[in-house]
Amino acid sequence: MCRAYAPDVPPKNRQIEVALRLHGFVFKDQVGSHCHFEHPVLGIKVTIVGDPGDEMRKGTLHRLLKIAGIPKRPNW
């Protein structure tokens, strides 16, 4: 099955990073596998844990999207 149509497959960290950048977040720092992003106007800080090709766990994803104020995509 194509990944774009698989509703139960969590997104890769790379996809979350793109979504954060599209919503105005900028990369601030990296410590090991923890990438820190911050919104310059709102002051919201979020961290993506793991390599870019890793899948983000469902609970972690929902919490990050809630903190960042990003609407959830249908397949996330």
Protein backbone atom coordinates (compact mmCIF):
# COMPACT_ATOMS: atom_id res chain seq x y z
CA MET A 1 0.00 0.00 0.00
CA CYS A 2 1.25 3.47 -0.83
CA ARG A 3 2.39 5.39 2.24
CA ALA A 4 0.32 8.44 1.27
CA TYR A 5 -2.87 6.39 1.59
CA ALA A 6 -1.98 4.36 4.67
CA PRO A 7 -3.99 5.99 7.49
CA ASP A 8 -2.38 4.03 10.33
CA VAL A 9 1.24 4.79 9.42
CA PRO A 10 2.63 7.64 11.55
CA PRO A 11 4.56 10.39 9.75
CA LYS A 12 8.33 10.54 9.67
CA ASN A 13 10.12 13.17 11.72
CA ARG A 14 11.16 14.78 8.44
CA GLN A 15 7.49 15.44 7.58
CA ILE A 16 6.86 17.00 10.99
CA GLU A 17 9.87 19.25 10.53
CA VAL A 18 8.49 20.48 7.20
CA ALA A 19 5.08 21.15 8.79
CA LEU A 20 6.73 23.14 11.59
CA ARG A 21 8.72 25.25 9.13
CA LEU A 22 5.59 25.92 7.05
CA HIS A 23 3.88 27.24 10.20
CA GLY A 24 6.68 29.70 10.96
CA PHE A 25 8.93 27.68 13.28
CA VAL A 26 12.68 28.03 12.89
CA PHE A 27 15.44 25.59 13.81
CA LYS A 28 17.26 26.77 16.94
CA ASP A 29 19.55 24.03 18.20
CA GLN A 30 20.33 20.34 18.12
CA VAL A 31 21.67 18.19 20.94
CA GLY A 32 22.27 14.64 19.80
CA SER A 33 19.05 13.50 18.14
CA HIS A 34 16.91 16.25 19.73
CA CYS A 35 16.09 19.07 17.28
CA HIS A 36 14.71 22.20 18.90
CA PHE A 37 12.38 24.54 17.00
CA GLU A 38 10.96 27.87 18.11
CA HIS A 39 8.31 30.19 16.73
CA PRO A 40 9.91 33.67 16.60
CA VAL A 41 6.66 35.59 17.21
CA LEU A 42 4.72 33.31 19.54
CA GLY A 43 7.71 32.05 21.53
CA ILE A 44 6.50 28.44 21.37
CA LYS A 45 9.28 25.85 21.64
CA VAL A 46 8.98 22.23 20.47
CA THR A 47 11.45 19.36 20.22
CA ILE A 48 11.57 16.57 17.66
CA VAL A 49 13.32 13.48 19.00
CA GLY A 50 15.01 10.96 16.71
CA ASP A 51 16.51 10.79 13.24
CA PRO A 52 14.67 12.39 10.29
CA GLY A 53 13.71 8.96 8.92
CA ASP A 54 12.21 7.72 12.21
CA GLU A 55 8.46 7.48 12.63
CA MET A 56 7.04 9.65 15.39
CA ARG A 57 4.93 7.89 18.00
CA LYS A 58 1.24 8.73 17.88
CA GLY A 59 0.98 10.27 21.36
CA THR A 60 4.13 12.32 20.85
CA LEU A 61 2.83 13.56 17.52
CA HIS A 62 -0.55 14.64 18.89
CA ARG A 63 1.07 16.46 21.82
CA LEU A 64 3.57 18.25 19.57
CA LEU A 65 0.83 19.35 17.14
CA LYS A 66 -1.31 20.59 20.03
CA ILE A 67 1.53 22.63 21.55
CA ALA A 68 2.53 24.05 18.14
CA GLY A 69 -1.07 24.85 17.18
CA ILE A 70 -0.82 22.90 13.93
CA PRO A 71 -4.01 21.21 12.66
CA LYS A 72 -3.81 17.44 12.38
CA ARG A 73 -3.73 15.98 8.87
CA PRO A 74 -6.26 13.25 8.06
CA ASN A 75 -3.62 10.51 7.78
CA TRP A 76 -1.82 11.55 11.02
